[in-house]
Amino acid sequence: MTTTPTSADQRGIADAAVAYAARGWAVFPLHTIRSGRCSCWRDCSHPAKHPITRHGLHDATTDPTAVAGWWARWPWANIAIATGTISGLVVIDIDPDHGGTESLDHLQSLMDSLPVTLTAATGGGGEHRFFTHPGPVAVRNTAGRLPGITESLPGVDLRGDGGYVVAAPSRHASGHAYRWVDPNVVPAPAPTWLRPSPRPVFPAGGRVLVVPHGGGSRYGLAALRREVAEVRAAQVGGRNDRLNRAAFSLGMLAAGGELDRTLVEAELLTAALEIGLPETEARASIRSGLSAGAREPRRRRHA
């Protein structure tokens, strides 16, 4: 299997990046797979999916000249499309390795039918389903759930404001390319179940934390709010450690019955993705912290 793009592949990637920008989708370059390894040449936990430019997602632009300049410098680079209001897009990311296929079937049964929309086949065997952003309301990134669905959906994530997806014809770590299933289909309007739920919200560092009914006690949810805010405020170099400590603290409360563990894992992962931590690394830190915390259950002390 060829894992290094040919000259023709590189021209196609550069042309696609410029075309996305011209369409109004903000893009920026990602590392790719070269000679079987991530082009960062490090022991990478997020191969072919992390930014090349210094500010990553914050460098995303719709300026075709700037985009052409990036791909002239890095002709082999993968393409990231920034989601959210910057591009007018929200994307459902379906990962079959984490139960996404079964969750998608369950979502279909709940909704009777799913909208026909622009869809990409990912290099890892999953799907990206693109919808137009419902603006002006913010749509947060989520993991294993969707804003308007109360049930957990393992392997179904949402990329909204502050997120991004890898776009065709980028190359996955497996060596397979991302591709559009039918590039002539346009993104459908975001259905109501992709929009934020109006259920109770708690301010957290200028953002809102949407907590499903039954997610925990008042004491537990207050602790969750604080820890998520601390993760979002963590400084570069200490973010992963702060995430792990938050997971440990909340894991104690989850084991003590003050919080729903699934909610904790989803909220911490969302915060980690928002501050730029690689998903694989973030999931590992969260699960490690939650497991360690579960060995020391903690409940609120009542007077």
Protein backbone atom coordinates (compact mmCIF):
# COMPACT_ATOMS: atom_id res chain seq x y z
CA MET A 1 0.00 0.00 0.00
CA THR A 2 1.36 3.43 -0.93
CA THR A 3 1.58 5.74 2.07
CA THR A 4 3.48 8.64 0.49
CA PRO A 5 1.43 10.96 -1.79
CA THR A 6 2.49 11.18 -5.43
CA SER A 7 2.95 14.50 -7.25
CA ALA A 8 -0.55 14.12 -8.70
CA ASP A 9 -1.95 13.49 -5.20
CA GLN A 10 -0.20 16.62 -3.95
CA ARG A 11 -1.64 18.76 -6.75
CA GLY A 12 -5.08 17.37 -5.93
CA ILE A 13 -4.71 18.17 -2.23
CA ALA A 14 -3.56 21.73 -2.91
CA ASP A 15 -6.35 22.33 -5.43
CA ALA A 16 -8.93 20.96 -3.00
CA ALA A 17 -7.68 23.19 -0.17
CA VAL A 18 -7.98 26.30 -2.35
CA ALA A 19 -11.42 25.22 -3.57
CA TYR A 20 -12.69 24.77 -0.01
CA ALA A 21 -11.46 28.25 0.91
CA ALA A 22 -13.14 29.73 -2.16
CA ARG A 23 -16.35 28.01 -1.06
CA GLY A 24 -16.17 29.87 2.26
CA TRP A 25 -14.84 26.97 4.34
CA ALA A 26 -11.89 28.01 6.51
CA VAL A 27 -8.97 25.61 6.18
CA PHE A 28 -5.47 25.08 7.55
CA PRO A 29 -2.74 22.45 6.96
CA LEU A 30 -2.25 19.26 8.96
CA HIS A 31 0.57 16.75 9.09
CA THR A 32 0.17 13.66 6.91
CA ILE A 33 1.62 10.15 6.59
CA ARG A 34 4.99 9.96 4.87
CA SER A 35 6.94 6.70 4.54
CA GLY A 36 4.57 5.07 7.01
CA ARG A 37 5.01 7.72 9.73
CA CYS A 38 3.46 11.02 10.71
CA SER A 39 5.28 13.82 8.92
CA CYS A 40 6.10 15.44 12.29
CA TRP A 41 8.63 12.55 12.61
CA ARG A 42 7.97 12.23 16.33
CA ASP A 43 6.42 9.38 18.33
CA CYS A 44 3.05 10.91 17.49
CA SER A 45 -0.17 10.07 19.35
CA HIS A 46 -2.32 11.78 16.72
CA PRO A 47 -0.69 10.92 13.37
CA ALA A 48 -1.83 12.80 10.25
CA LYS A 49 -4.40 14.82 12.21
CA HIS A 50 -2.54 17.59 14.05
CA PRO A 51 -1.71 21.09 12.76
CA ILE A 52 1.48 22.15 11.04
CA THR A 53 1.12 25.89 11.63
CA ARG A 54 1.92 27.39 15.02
CA HIS A 55 -1.62 28.38 15.94
CA GLY A 56 -3.39 25.49 14.24
CA LEU A 57 -7.15 25.97 14.24
CA HIS A 58 -6.72 29.69 14.96
CA ASP A 59 -4.84 30.06 11.67
CA ALA A 60 -7.80 28.77 9.64
CA THR A 61 -8.70 31.08 6.75
CA THR A 62 -10.86 31.40 3.65
CA ASP A 63 -8.19 33.49 1.86
CA PRO A 64 -7.28 31.43 -1.25
CA THR A 65 -3.93 33.22 -1.57
CA ALA A 66 -2.89 32.32 1.96
CA VAL A 67 -4.10 28.75 1.47
CA ALA A 68 -2.19 28.39 -1.80
CA GLY A 69 0.91 29.66 -0.03
CA TRP A 70 0.65 27.00 2.67
CA TRP A 71 0.34 24.17 0.15
CA ALA A 72 3.17 25.59 -1.95
CA ARG A 73 5.32 25.28 1.18
CA TRP A 74 3.90 21.92 2.30
CA PRO A 75 2.48 20.29 -0.86
CA TRP A 76 1.98 16.99 0.96
CA ALA A 77 -0.07 18.48 3.85
CA ASN A 78 -3.46 17.11 4.81
CA ILE A 79 -6.42 19.53 4.87
CA ALA A 80 -8.38 20.54 7.96
CA ILE A 81 -11.74 22.28 7.60
CA ALA A 82 -12.55 24.39 10.66
CA THR A 83 -16.13 23.77 11.79
CA GLY A 84 -18.50 26.21 13.46
CA THR A 85 -19.59 29.68 12.43
CA ILE A 86 -16.23 30.38 10.76
CA SER A 87 -17.20 27.98 7.95
CA GLY A 88 -20.94 27.72 8.58
CA LEU A 89 -20.67 23.99 9.23
CA VAL A 90 -21.26 21.36 11.91
CA VAL A 91 -20.11 17.80 11.32
CA ILE A 92 -21.11 14.46 12.81
CA ASP A 93 -18.03 12.25 13.08
CA ILE A 94 -18.91 8.53 13.09
CA ASP A 95 -16.16 6.21 14.35
CA PRO A 96 -17.00 2.51 13.86
CA ASP A 97 -14.10 1.43 16.07
CA HIS A 98 -15.86 2.97 19.09
CA GLY A 99 -19.39 1.76 18.32
CA GLY A 100 -20.34 4.51 15.86
CA THR A 101 -22.11 2.23 13.39
CA GLU A 102 -24.43 0.82 16.05
CA SER A 103 -25.03 4.29 17.52
CA LEU A 104 -25.90 5.64 14.07
CA ASP A 105 -28.42 2.84 13.61
CA HIS A 106 -29.91 3.69 16.99
CA LEU A 107 -30.09 7.38 16.08
CA GLN A 108 -31.87 6.43 12.87
CA SER A 109 -34.43 4.43 14.85
CA LEU A 110 -34.99 7.36 17.21
CA MET A 111 -35.46 9.90 14.41
CA ASP A 112 -37.25 7.59 11.91
CA SER A 113 -34.97 8.96 9.18
CA LEU A 114 -31.79 11.02 8.90
CA PRO A 115 -31.37 13.94 6.47
CA VAL A 116 -29.60 13.32 3.17
CA THR A 117 -26.52 15.52 3.36
CA LEU A 118 -22.95 15.95 2.14
CA THR A 119 -20.98 12.96 3.44
CA ALA A 120 -17.32 11.97 3.40
CA ALA A 121 -15.86 8.52 3.92
CA THR A 122 -12.94 8.85 6.31
CA GLY A 123 -9.64 7.08 5.83
CA GLY A 124 -10.29 5.09 8.98
CA GLY A 125 -13.55 3.57 7.72
CA GLY A 126 -15.93 6.05 9.35
CA GLU A 127 -18.04 8.93 8.08
CA HIS A 128 -18.24 12.70 8.34
CA ARG A 129 -21.76 14.06 7.81
CA PHE A 130 -21.79 17.81 7.09
CA PHE A 131 -24.66 20.14 8.01
CA THR A 132 -25.05 23.90 7.87
CA HIS A 133 -24.45 25.68 11.17
CA PRO A 134 -27.74 26.73 12.84
CA GLY A 135 -26.29 30.09 14.06
CA PRO A 136 -26.33 32.39 15.89
CA VAL A 137 -26.36 29.91 18.78
CA ALA A 138 -22.99 28.27 19.59
CA VAL A 139 -22.71 24.56 18.86
CA ARG A 140 -20.14 22.91 21.09
CA ASN A 141 -17.94 19.93 20.27
CA THR A 142 -19.21 16.77 21.93
CA ALA A 143 -18.03 13.18 22.25
CA GLY A 144 -20.33 10.19 22.42
CA ARG A 145 -23.51 12.25 22.43
CA LEU A 146 -25.41 14.91 20.50
CA PRO A 147 -26.93 18.09 21.97
CA GLY A 148 -30.59 17.22 21.43
CA ILE A 149 -30.34 13.50 22.25
CA THR A 150 -30.45 12.45 25.91
CA GLU A 151 -29.05 8.97 25.28
CA SER A 152 -25.35 8.18 24.99
CA LEU A 153 -24.13 7.52 21.43
CA PRO A 154 -20.67 5.91 21.62
CA GLY A 155 -18.57 6.58 18.55
CA VAL A 156 -20.71 9.53 17.41
CA ASP A 157 -19.04 12.91 18.00
CA LEU A 158 -20.00 16.41 16.97
CA ARG A 159 -17.59 19.01 15.63
CA GLY A 160 -18.94 22.55 15.91
CA ASP A 161 -17.51 25.86 17.09
CA GLY A 162 -13.84 25.44 17.95
CA GLY A 163 -13.49 22.12 16.13
CA TYR A 164 -12.21 20.77 12.83
CA VAL A 165 -12.31 17.69 10.61
CA VAL A 166 -9.83 16.20 8.17
CA ALA A 167 -11.05 16.66 4.60
CA ALA A 168 -10.72 14.81 1.30
CA PRO A 169 -8.39 13.95 -0.32
CA SER A 170 -6.22 13.90 2.81
CA ARG A 171 -4.45 10.70 3.80
CA HIS A 172 -5.28 8.78 6.97
CA ALA A 173 -2.69 7.02 9.16
CA SER A 174 -3.91 3.74 7.62
CA GLY A 175 -2.73 4.97 4.21
CA HIS A 176 -6.29 5.30 2.89
CA ALA A 177 -7.56 8.62 1.57
CA TYR A 178 -10.60 10.56 2.72
CA ARG A 179 -13.16 10.90 -0.10
CA TRP A 180 -16.53 12.49 -0.77
CA VAL A 181 -19.32 9.93 -1.18
CA ASP A 182 -21.11 12.30 -3.59
CA PRO A 183 -19.50 15.75 -3.87
CA ASN A 184 -22.59 17.14 -5.63
CA VAL A 185 -24.75 16.81 -2.51
CA VAL A 186 -24.96 19.99 -0.43
CA PRO A 187 -24.92 20.17 3.39
CA ALA A 188 -28.44 19.92 4.80
CA PRO A 189 -29.65 22.33 7.49
CA ALA A 190 -28.70 21.15 10.98
CA PRO A 191 -31.64 19.19 12.44
CA THR A 192 -32.97 20.13 15.86
CA TRP A 193 -31.10 17.28 17.55
CA LEU A 194 -27.78 18.91 16.59
CA ARG A 195 -28.71 22.14 18.33
CA PRO A 196 -28.02 22.92 21.98
CA SER A 197 -30.63 21.66 24.41
CA PRO A 198 -32.57 24.30 26.36
CA ARG A 199 -32.28 22.24 29.54
CA PRO A 200 -30.51 23.66 32.64
CA VAL A 201 -27.24 25.47 31.91
CA PHE A 202 -24.48 26.53 34.25
CA PRO A 203 -22.04 29.33 33.38
CA ALA A 204 -18.46 28.11 33.08
CA GLY A 205 -15.79 30.63 32.21
CA GLY A 206 -17.96 32.56 29.76
CA ARG A 207 -19.29 29.39 28.14
CA VAL A 208 -22.28 27.23 28.96
CA LEU A 209 -22.21 23.69 30.22
CA VAL A 210 -25.32 21.79 29.15
CA VAL A 211 -26.11 19.11 31.71
CA PRO A 212 -28.61 16.38 30.82
CA HIS A 213 -31.31 15.63 33.37
CA GLY A 214 -30.07 13.17 35.99
CA GLY A 215 -26.39 13.91 35.30
CA GLY A 216 -25.58 14.30 38.98
CA SER A 217 -26.30 16.02 42.26
CA ARG A 218 -26.12 19.80 42.61
CA TYR A 219 -22.82 19.33 44.46
CA GLY A 220 -21.41 17.04 41.79
CA LEU A 221 -22.47 19.27 38.90
CA ALA A 222 -20.91 22.30 40.57
CA ALA A 223 -17.63 20.38 40.87
CA LEU A 224 -17.89 19.34 37.22
CA ARG A 225 -18.43 22.96 36.20
CA ARG A 226 -15.33 24.09 38.14
CA GLU A 227 -13.08 21.35 36.84
CA VAL A 228 -14.13 21.87 33.21
CA ALA A 229 -13.43 25.61 33.57
CA GLU A 230 -9.98 24.82 35.00
CA VAL A 231 -9.18 22.51 32.09
CA ARG A 232 -10.19 25.20 29.60
CA ALA A 233 -7.95 27.71 31.39
CA ALA A 234 -4.91 25.40 31.60
CA GLN A 235 -1.67 26.73 30.13
CA VAL A 236 0.21 25.12 27.26
CA GLY A 237 2.55 22.47 28.65
CA GLY A 238 0.30 21.64 31.58
CA ARG A 239 -2.97 20.91 29.84
CA ASN A 240 -2.77 17.13 29.78
CA ASP A 241 -1.72 16.98 33.44
CA ARG A 242 -4.58 19.32 34.43
CA LEU A 243 -7.02 17.16 32.46
CA ASN A 244 -5.83 14.04 34.25
CA ARG A 245 -6.16 15.70 37.66
CA ALA A 246 -9.68 16.88 36.81
CA ALA A 247 -10.63 13.35 35.77
CA PHE A 248 -9.23 11.97 39.03
CA SER A 249 -11.18 14.44 41.17
CA LEU A 250 -14.42 13.90 39.26
CA GLY A 251 -13.84 10.16 39.15
CA MET A 252 -14.00 10.11 42.96
CA LEU A 253 -17.36 11.90 42.86
CA ALA A 254 -18.68 9.61 40.13
CA ALA A 255 -17.72 6.57 42.20
CA GLY A 256 -19.48 8.18 45.17
CA GLY A 257 -22.70 8.59 43.21
CA GLU A 258 -22.50 12.39 42.87
CA LEU A 259 -21.96 12.40 39.08
CA ASP A 260 -22.68 10.31 36.02
CA ARG A 261 -19.35 8.97 34.75
CA THR A 262 -20.42 9.09 31.09
CA LEU A 263 -21.29 12.77 31.45
CA VAL A 264 -17.94 13.49 33.12
CA GLU A 265 -16.00 11.73 30.37
CA ALA A 266 -17.92 13.53 27.62
CA GLU A 267 -17.58 17.01 29.18
CA LEU A 268 -13.86 16.62 29.89
CA LEU A 269 -13.19 15.32 26.38
CA THR A 270 -15.10 18.22 24.87
CA ALA A 271 -13.04 20.70 26.91
CA ALA A 272 -9.80 18.92 25.97
CA LEU A 273 -10.61 19.10 22.26
CA GLU A 274 -11.52 22.78 22.56
CA ILE A 275 -8.06 23.62 23.96
CA GLY A 276 -6.30 21.62 21.26
CA LEU A 277 -5.31 18.36 22.97
CA PRO A 278 -5.14 15.37 20.59
CA GLU A 279 -8.21 13.18 21.02
CA THR A 280 -6.34 9.89 21.57
CA GLU A 281 -4.13 11.47 24.24
CA ALA A 282 -7.09 13.18 25.90
CA ARG A 283 -9.19 10.01 26.05
CA ALA A 284 -6.30 8.11 27.64
CA SER A 285 -5.71 10.81 30.28
CA ILE A 286 -9.40 11.03 31.14
CA ARG A 287 -9.89 7.30 31.48
CA SER A 288 -6.71 6.94 33.55
CA GLY A 289 -7.81 9.71 35.90
CA LEU A 290 -11.38 8.42 36.21
CA SER A 291 -10.18 4.88 36.97
CA ALA A 292 -7.76 6.11 39.62
CA GLY A 293 -10.40 8.35 41.18
CA ALA A 294 -12.92 5.51 41.25
CA ARG A 295 -10.69 3.72 43.76
CA GLU A 296 -11.32 6.55 46.24
CA PRO A 297 -15.10 7.25 46.18
CA ARG A 298 -16.09 10.63 47.60
CA ARG A 299 -19.45 12.12 48.54
CA ARG A 300 -20.52 15.49 49.87
CA ARG A 301 -20.32 15.64 53.64
CA HIS A 302 -23.70 16.55 55.06
CA ALA A 303 -23.89 18.60 58.23
